[in-house]
Protein backbone atom coordinates (compact mmCIF):
# COMPACT_ATOMS: atom_id res chain seq x y z
CA MET A 1 0.07 0.01 0.13
CA VAL A 2 2.03 3.03 1.46
CA ARG A 3 5.58 2.74 1.24
CA ILE A 4 7.68 5.18 3.20
CA ILE A 5 11.12 5.87 2.86
CA PRO A 6 13.18 7.46 5.67
CA MET A 7 13.37 11.47 5.83
CA ALA A 8 15.42 13.34 8.07
CA SER A 9 13.86 15.56 10.34
CA THR A 10 14.48 19.38 9.52
CA ILE A 11 12.82 21.26 12.35
CA GLY A 12 11.07 19.60 15.45
CA PRO A 13 7.28 20.23 15.72
CA SER A 14 4.19 19.61 17.65
CA LEU A 15 2.53 21.36 19.82
CA SER A 16 0.64 19.51 22.45
CA SER A 17 -2.15 21.25 23.73
CA PHE A 18 -3.66 24.60 22.99
CA LYS A 19 -7.24 25.50 22.03
CA PHE A 20 -8.83 28.17 20.08
CA ALA A 21 -12.33 29.42 20.56
CA SER A 22 -14.47 29.18 17.37
CA ALA A 23 -17.86 30.31 16.48
CA SER A 24 -18.91 26.61 16.16
CA PRO A 25 -18.19 23.71 18.28
CA ARG A 26 -14.62 24.34 19.47
CA LEU A 27 -11.65 23.61 17.51
CA PHE A 28 -8.38 23.28 19.47
CA SER A 29 -6.06 24.52 16.94
CA PHE A 30 -2.61 23.72 17.55
CA SER A 31 -2.43 20.22 19.27
CA LEU A 32 -4.86 22.39 20.06
CA SER A 33 -5.83 24.45 17.75
CA SER A 34 1.44 56.91 13.30
CA SER A 35 1.03 61.60 14.06
CA SER A 36 0.90 64.93 12.51
CA SER A 37 1.17 68.64 13.91
CA SER A 38 0.71 71.92 13.11
CA CYS A 39 1.34 75.16 14.29
CA THR A 40 0.32 79.02 13.42
CA ILE A 41 2.94 81.41 13.22
CA PRO A 42 1.94 85.12 13.85
CA SER A 43 2.01 87.82 11.32
CA ARG A 44 4.90 89.88 11.76
CA ARG A 45 3.11 92.55 9.46
CA LEU A 46 0.31 92.71 11.71
CA SER A 47 2.33 93.14 14.73
CA LEU A 48 4.21 95.95 13.39
CA LEU A 49 0.88 97.53 12.16
CA HIS A 50 -0.76 97.29 15.86
CA LEU A 51 2.65 99.00 17.17
CA GLY A 52 2.50 101.74 14.83
CA SER A 53 6.21 100.93 13.86
CA ALA A 54 7.54 103.18 11.49
CA VAL A 55 9.81 100.30 9.46
CA PRO A 56 10.34 101.25 5.72
CA GLN A 57 8.10 99.39 3.25
CA SER A 58 11.34 97.99 1.62
CA HIS A 59 13.01 96.80 4.87
CA TYR A 60 9.64 95.13 5.69
CA PHE A 61 9.39 93.17 2.40
CA GLY A 62 13.05 92.18 2.94
CA LEU A 63 12.20 90.60 6.43
CA ARG A 64 8.94 88.88 4.48
CA ALA A 65 11.54 87.70 2.18
CA ALA A 66 13.74 86.04 4.69
CA LYS A 67 11.04 84.67 6.38
CA LEU A 68 9.69 82.81 3.17
CA LEU A 69 13.08 81.59 2.66
CA ARG A 70 13.53 79.90 6.14
CA ARG A 71 9.91 78.60 5.76
CA GLU A 72 10.89 76.99 2.60
CA ALA A 73 14.43 75.77 4.13
CA ASN A 74 12.38 74.22 7.21
CA GLY A 75 9.90 72.46 4.62
CA MET A 76 12.64 70.82 2.77
CA GLY A 77 13.98 69.66 5.97
CA VAL A 78 10.89 68.16 7.02
CA ALA A 79 10.41 66.64 3.59
CA ALA A 80 14.19 64.91 3.63
CA ALA A 81 13.41 63.81 6.97
CA GLY A 82 10.09 62.36 5.86
CA ASN A 83 11.88 60.68 2.63
CA ALA A 84 14.52 59.29 4.93
CA ALA A 85 12.12 57.66 7.29
CA GLN A 86 10.27 56.21 4.06
CA ALA A 87 13.10 54.97 2.89
CA SER A 88 13.74 53.30 6.12
CA THR A 89 10.56 51.90 6.11
CA THR A 90 10.73 50.62 2.72
CA ALA A 91 14.56 48.83 3.73
CA THR A 92 12.81 47.15 6.64
CA GLN A 93 9.89 45.95 4.75
CA GLU A 94 12.08 44.53 2.06
CA ASN A 95 14.19 42.78 4.93
CA VAL A 96 11.41 41.23 6.59
CA LEU A 97 10.01 39.85 3.14
CA GLU A 98 13.74 38.85 2.28
CA TRP A 99 13.86 36.98 5.95
CA VAL A 100 10.54 35.18 4.82
CA LYS A 101 12.79 33.07 2.33
CA LYS A 102 15.46 31.92 4.66
CA ASP A 103 13.12 30.85 7.45
CA LYS A 104 13.05 27.31 8.43
CA ARG A 105 9.40 26.33 7.68
CA ARG A 106 7.60 23.22 7.16
CA MET A 107 4.30 22.01 7.20
CA LEU A 108 3.39 20.24 10.55
CA HIS A 109 -0.17 19.58 10.35
CA VAL A 110 -3.73 20.30 8.94
CA VAL A 111 -6.63 19.98 11.70
CA TYR A 112 -10.43 19.24 10.98
CA ARG A 113 -13.21 18.32 12.97
CA VAL A 114 -14.88 14.86 12.93
CA GLY A 115 -18.01 13.21 14.24
CA ASP A 116 -17.04 9.85 15.40
CA LEU A 117 -13.32 9.62 16.68
CA ASP A 118 -12.70 5.84 16.50
CA ARG A 119 -14.70 5.37 13.43
CA THR A 120 -12.67 7.79 11.82
CA ILE A 121 -9.30 6.18 13.49
CA LYS A 122 -10.14 2.53 12.28
CA PHE A 123 -10.77 3.96 8.31
CA TYR A 124 -7.47 5.90 8.31
CA THR A 125 -5.21 3.01 9.64
CA GLU A 126 -6.91 -0.02 8.36
CA CYS A 127 -7.81 1.26 5.01
CA LEU A 128 -4.95 4.29 4.13
CA GLY A 129 -2.26 2.70 6.19
CA MET A 130 -1.91 5.42 8.61
CA LYS A 131 -0.75 5.03 12.14
CA LEU A 132 -2.28 6.34 15.01
CA LEU A 133 1.02 8.52 16.64
CA ARG A 134 -0.85 9.73 19.80
CA LYS A 135 -4.23 10.58 21.40
CA ARG A 136 -5.26 12.94 24.08
CA ASP A 137 -9.02 13.29 25.99
CA ILE A 138 -9.70 16.54 27.79
CA PRO A 139 -12.72 15.66 29.53
CA GLU A 140 -12.81 19.22 31.45
CA GLU A 141 -13.06 20.70 27.76
CA ARG A 142 -15.04 18.52 26.36
CA TYR A 143 -12.70 17.46 23.23
CA THR A 144 -10.41 14.87 22.11
CA ASN A 145 -7.42 15.04 19.84
CA ALA A 146 -6.16 12.08 17.80
CA PHE A 147 -2.82 12.45 15.91
CA LEU A 148 -2.12 10.26 12.79
CA GLY A 149 0.49 10.06 9.90
CA TYR A 150 3.08 8.15 8.18
CA GLY A 151 5.83 8.91 10.24
CA PRO A 152 6.79 10.94 13.47
CA GLU A 153 5.57 14.48 13.85
CA ASP A 154 8.80 15.75 13.95
CA SER A 155 9.78 14.54 10.53
CA HIS A 156 6.38 14.41 8.75
CA PHE A 157 3.03 16.16 7.78
CA VAL A 158 0.24 14.76 9.81
CA ILE A 159 -3.33 14.83 10.66
CA GLU A 160 -4.96 16.14 13.60
CA LEU A 161 -8.37 15.22 14.60
CA THR A 162 -10.97 17.09 16.87
CA TYR A 163 -13.75 15.38 18.43
CA ASN A 164 -16.13 17.53 20.10
CA TYR A 165 -18.19 15.81 22.66
CA GLY A 166 -21.78 15.35 21.40
CA VAL A 167 -21.12 16.81 18.16
CA ASP A 168 -21.53 14.00 15.44
CA LYS A 169 -21.71 16.15 12.01
CA TYR A 170 -20.11 18.98 10.63
CA ASP A 171 -20.56 21.21 7.27
CA ILE A 172 -17.46 20.70 5.01
CA GLY A 173 -18.77 23.33 2.55
CA THR A 174 -17.76 24.23 -0.75
CA GLY A 175 -13.92 25.83 -0.22
CA PHE A 176 -12.32 22.65 1.10
CA GLY A 177 -10.98 20.43 -1.77
CA HIS A 178 -9.25 17.04 -0.48
CA PHE A 179 -6.27 15.72 1.09
CA GLY A 180 -3.46 13.58 -1.13
CA ILE A 181 -1.89 10.30 -0.35
CA ALA A 182 0.81 8.77 -2.49
CA VAL A 183 0.35 5.15 -2.98
CA GLU A 184 2.41 2.76 -4.82
CA ASP A 185 -0.78 1.05 -6.23
CA VAL A 186 -3.89 2.86 -6.48
CA ALA A 187 -6.01 -0.48 -7.85
CA LYS A 188 -5.09 -2.14 -4.63
CA THR A 189 -5.73 0.58 -2.63
CA VAL A 190 -9.10 1.00 -3.75
CA GLU A 191 -10.04 -2.52 -3.63
CA LEU A 192 -9.11 -2.47 0.31
CA VAL A 193 -11.36 0.36 0.80
CA LYS A 194 -13.79 -1.09 -0.88
CA ALA A 195 -13.26 -4.51 1.21
CA LYS A 196 -13.65 -1.92 4.43
CA GLY A 197 -16.68 -0.84 3.44
CA GLY A 198 -15.29 2.67 2.44
CA LYS A 199 -16.65 4.90 -0.29
CA VAL A 200 -14.87 5.43 -3.65
CA THR A 201 -16.04 8.34 -5.61
CA ARG A 202 -13.56 8.19 -8.77
CA GLU A 203 -12.21 4.51 -10.03
CA PRO A 204 -8.85 4.25 -10.75
CA GLY A 205 -7.41 5.76 -14.24
CA PRO A 206 -5.09 8.67 -15.76
CA VAL A 207 -5.78 12.05 -14.49
CA LYS A 208 -7.74 14.13 -16.86
CA GLY A 209 -5.04 15.69 -19.34
CA GLY A 210 -2.26 13.58 -17.86
CA SER A 211 -0.93 9.83 -17.29
CA THR A 212 -0.74 9.94 -13.49
CA VAL A 213 -3.17 7.46 -11.87
CA ILE A 214 -5.33 8.63 -9.67
CA ALA A 215 -8.50 7.58 -7.68
CA PHE A 216 -10.66 9.41 -5.16
CA VAL A 217 -12.35 7.97 -1.91
CA GLU A 218 -14.21 9.49 1.09
CA ASP A 219 -13.93 9.03 5.12
CA PRO A 220 -16.62 8.33 6.74
CA ASP A 221 -17.21 12.11 7.45
CA GLY A 222 -17.11 12.95 3.93
CA TYR A 223 -13.61 14.41 3.53
CA LYS A 224 -12.22 13.11 0.19
CA PHE A 225 -8.91 11.89 -0.48
CA GLU A 226 -7.36 11.61 -3.89
CA LEU A 227 -4.99 8.57 -4.26
CA LEU A 228 -2.07 9.23 -6.59
CA GLU A 229 0.30 6.47 -7.95
CA ARG A 230 3.71 7.28 -6.88
CA GLY A 231 6.85 5.47 -6.08
CA PRO A 232 8.47 5.39 -2.43
CA THR A 233 8.23 8.70 -0.70
CA PRO A 234 9.27 10.30 2.18
CA GLU A 235 5.60 12.03 2.59
CA PRO A 236 2.83 9.74 1.75
CA LEU A 237 0.34 12.45 3.09
CA CYS A 238 1.47 15.05 0.33
CA GLN A 239 -1.27 17.50 -0.63
CA VAL A 240 -3.87 19.66 1.15
CA MET A 241 -6.35 21.19 -1.84
CA LEU A 242 -8.24 24.63 -1.22
CA ARG A 243 -10.08 26.43 -3.48
CA VAL A 244 -9.20 30.07 -4.02
CA GLY A 245 -11.16 32.85 -5.65
CA ASP A 246 -8.50 34.79 -7.62
CA LEU A 247 -5.47 32.24 -7.97
CA ASP A 248 -2.82 35.08 -8.98
CA ARG A 249 -3.41 36.89 -5.78
CA SER A 250 -3.19 33.51 -3.45
CA ILE A 251 -0.02 32.79 -5.33
CA ASN A 252 1.47 36.32 -4.57
CA PHE A 253 0.35 36.20 -0.98
CA TYR A 254 1.65 32.70 -0.18
CA GLU A 255 4.99 33.40 -1.70
CA LYS A 256 5.51 36.64 0.21
CA ALA A 257 3.99 35.86 3.49
CA PHE A 258 4.48 32.06 3.75
CA GLY A 259 7.61 31.81 1.71
CA LEU A 260 5.85 28.81 -0.28
CA GLU A 261 7.45 28.21 -3.79
CA LEU A 262 5.33 28.23 -6.78
CA LEU A 263 6.20 24.65 -8.01
CA ARG A 264 4.08 24.24 -11.11
CA LYS A 265 1.00 25.75 -12.46
CA ARG A 266 -1.34 24.05 -14.72
CA ASP A 267 -4.67 25.61 -16.67
CA ASN A 268 -7.19 23.47 -17.86
CA PRO A 269 -9.61 25.57 -20.22
CA GLU A 270 -11.54 22.50 -21.33
CA TYR A 271 -12.32 21.79 -17.50
CA LYS A 272 -12.72 25.42 -16.70
CA TYR A 273 -10.23 25.35 -13.66
CA THR A 274 -6.31 26.13 -13.05
CA ILE A 275 -4.49 24.57 -10.16
CA ALA A 276 -1.14 25.81 -8.56
CA MET A 277 1.21 23.46 -6.55
CA MET A 278 3.03 25.43 -3.71
CA GLY A 279 5.20 24.00 -1.22
CA TYR A 280 8.65 24.10 0.90
CA GLY A 281 10.43 21.46 -1.22
CA PRO A 282 9.73 19.07 -4.63
CA GLU A 283 6.55 17.91 -4.87
CA ASP A 284 7.61 14.44 -4.92
CA LYS A 285 9.03 14.47 -1.24
CA ASN A 286 7.33 17.26 0.66
CA VAL A 287 3.37 18.21 1.50
CA VAL A 288 2.18 20.59 -1.09
CA LEU A 289 -0.69 23.20 -1.10
CA GLU A 290 -2.70 22.42 -4.08
CA LEU A 291 -4.61 25.99 -4.56
CA THR A 292 -7.70 25.58 -7.27
CA TYR A 293 -9.27 28.32 -9.24
CA ASN A 294 -12.80 27.61 -11.00
CA TYR A 295 -13.50 29.89 -13.92
CA GLY A 296 -15.40 32.60 -12.45
CA VAL A 297 -16.05 31.71 -8.92
CA THR A 298 -14.87 34.39 -6.76
CA GLU A 299 -16.33 32.93 -3.41
CA TYR A 300 -16.80 29.58 -1.38
CA ASP A 301 -18.57 28.46 1.73
CA LYS A 302 -16.02 27.38 3.80
CA GLY A 303 -18.13 25.19 6.46
CA ASN A 304 -17.02 24.31 9.90
CA ALA A 305 -15.26 21.05 9.41
CA TYR A 306 -12.18 21.93 8.01
CA ALA A 307 -9.87 24.17 10.40
CA GLN A 308 -6.28 25.16 9.19
CA ILE A 309 -2.81 24.30 8.60
CA ALA A 310 -0.24 24.61 11.06
CA ILE A 311 3.48 25.92 9.94
CA GLY A 312 6.94 25.84 11.97
CA THR A 313 8.90 28.95 11.97
CA ASP A 314 12.10 30.60 13.36
CA ASP A 315 10.35 33.62 14.41
CA VAL A 316 6.70 34.35 15.17
CA TYR A 317 7.04 38.06 15.37
CA LYS A 318 8.85 38.35 12.05
CA THR A 319 6.20 35.91 10.36
CA ALA A 320 3.39 38.19 11.62
CA GLU A 321 4.88 41.16 10.24
CA ALA A 322 5.30 39.67 6.97
CA ILE A 323 1.81 38.39 6.93
CA LYS A 324 0.43 41.84 7.50
CA LEU A 325 2.89 43.74 5.00
CA SER A 326 1.72 40.87 2.40
CA GLY A 327 -2.12 41.69 2.95
CA GLY A 328 -3.30 39.11 5.25
CA LYS A 329 -5.19 39.57 8.43
CA ILE A 330 -3.42 38.65 11.89
CA THR A 331 -5.99 36.56 14.18
CA ARG A 332 -3.74 36.28 16.93
CA GLU A 333 -0.99 38.54 17.56
CA PRO A 334 2.36 36.52 18.26
CA GLY A 335 3.68 35.77 21.41
CA PRO A 336 3.58 32.89 23.91
CA LEU A 337 0.51 31.02 24.96
CA PRO A 338 -0.77 31.23 28.67
CA GLY A 339 0.73 28.69 30.88
CA ILE A 340 2.87 26.79 28.09
CA ASN A 341 4.90 29.46 26.56
CA THR A 342 4.98 27.95 23.32
CA LYS A 343 4.99 31.18 20.63
CA ILE A 344 2.43 31.06 18.11
CA THR A 345 0.42 33.57 15.72
CA ALA A 346 -2.51 32.82 13.59
CA CYS A 347 -3.83 34.65 10.06
CA LEU A 348 -6.15 34.62 7.59
CA ASP A 349 -4.99 34.48 3.77
CA PRO A 350 -7.22 36.93 1.35
CA ASP A 351 -9.88 34.30 0.86
CA GLY A 352 -10.25 33.41 4.82
CA TRP A 353 -8.28 30.10 4.95
CA LYS A 354 -6.36 30.04 8.41
CA THR A 355 -3.29 29.24 9.24
CA VAL A 356 -1.00 28.79 12.33
CA PHE A 357 2.42 29.41 12.88
CA VAL A 358 4.53 27.90 15.65
CA ASP A 359 7.94 28.70 16.87
CA ASN A 360 10.09 25.70 15.82
CA VAL A 361 12.03 25.51 19.03
CA ASP A 362 9.07 25.51 21.35
CA PHE A 363 7.49 23.01 19.09
CA LEU A 364 10.23 20.25 19.64
CA LYS A 365 10.29 21.18 23.24
CA GLU A 366 6.48 20.01 23.36
CA LEU A 367 7.34 17.05 21.49
CA GLU A 368 9.64 16.01 24.27
């Protein structure tokens, strides 16, 4: 089924227990979940008239000219200072955006809600070949988390499932697309899914307009998984597909704010959609974010099931600054979580998709 080749750890992540409040049932997002002034200069001419001064008219105009020159000089000084400040700010912005490209980043896990945790774990382990990495129940907060994947959290992209007590159904919406899993034999995996009572929504066959063999299956909650036929890979859990309303805008944002690289872009006019693959390394060895633009569709319903992706960073403060400079919205200012001191920041992209950034060192400490 899924064959994994060893992959060295690049950073060490995984947070162990934070929660974020949400409007719908709670999701625990990480392992969780400038002034101006003015002055009025009294008119010297009025002062002189009031005093009945006998200053010659020519002398008065000389004074006036001198004053105008002084004002002009002062104005030039202020303008020069303003230009210097603007140049400094521009340089700082450029430094921050340049830093993003050098930051040590890796996608850590994807978070979403399910209605029956044990049922989902059974499907993922028996049909998709994942391993249950850890499970945590927090009865006082009425939720349970489970982490599943194809390797340790400090070196692999994994899934974080959240079960909220008493909530057995969620709305996936139309914006979330699917997860991708690389397998050596798609047909064999599909047969296994069928044997276990799973739902196959697309039988094995070449992808439209290409030669890669794929298939689509659904988990018990309706989340779609694309099975892609590939050789051994260090990262079998290889894709998260989200739909966006303006592809070029999204690519620009993710490049600048997240430091993601545009790996490839493909337009399919026959089927009226375009995709862009973005990641922190080659597509065959790393998880990628697949952005899909459907012709003429600018907005999607995000539902309340899918939550976010978590990404590791060396500096959550600079990360938040870069996100703001790139047009993103910070939903949690950077800083340590109370009682844990793990530093995080959270944001929304231009389409409203959420991402949480976690300090790399703190993430490793949490795993320990």
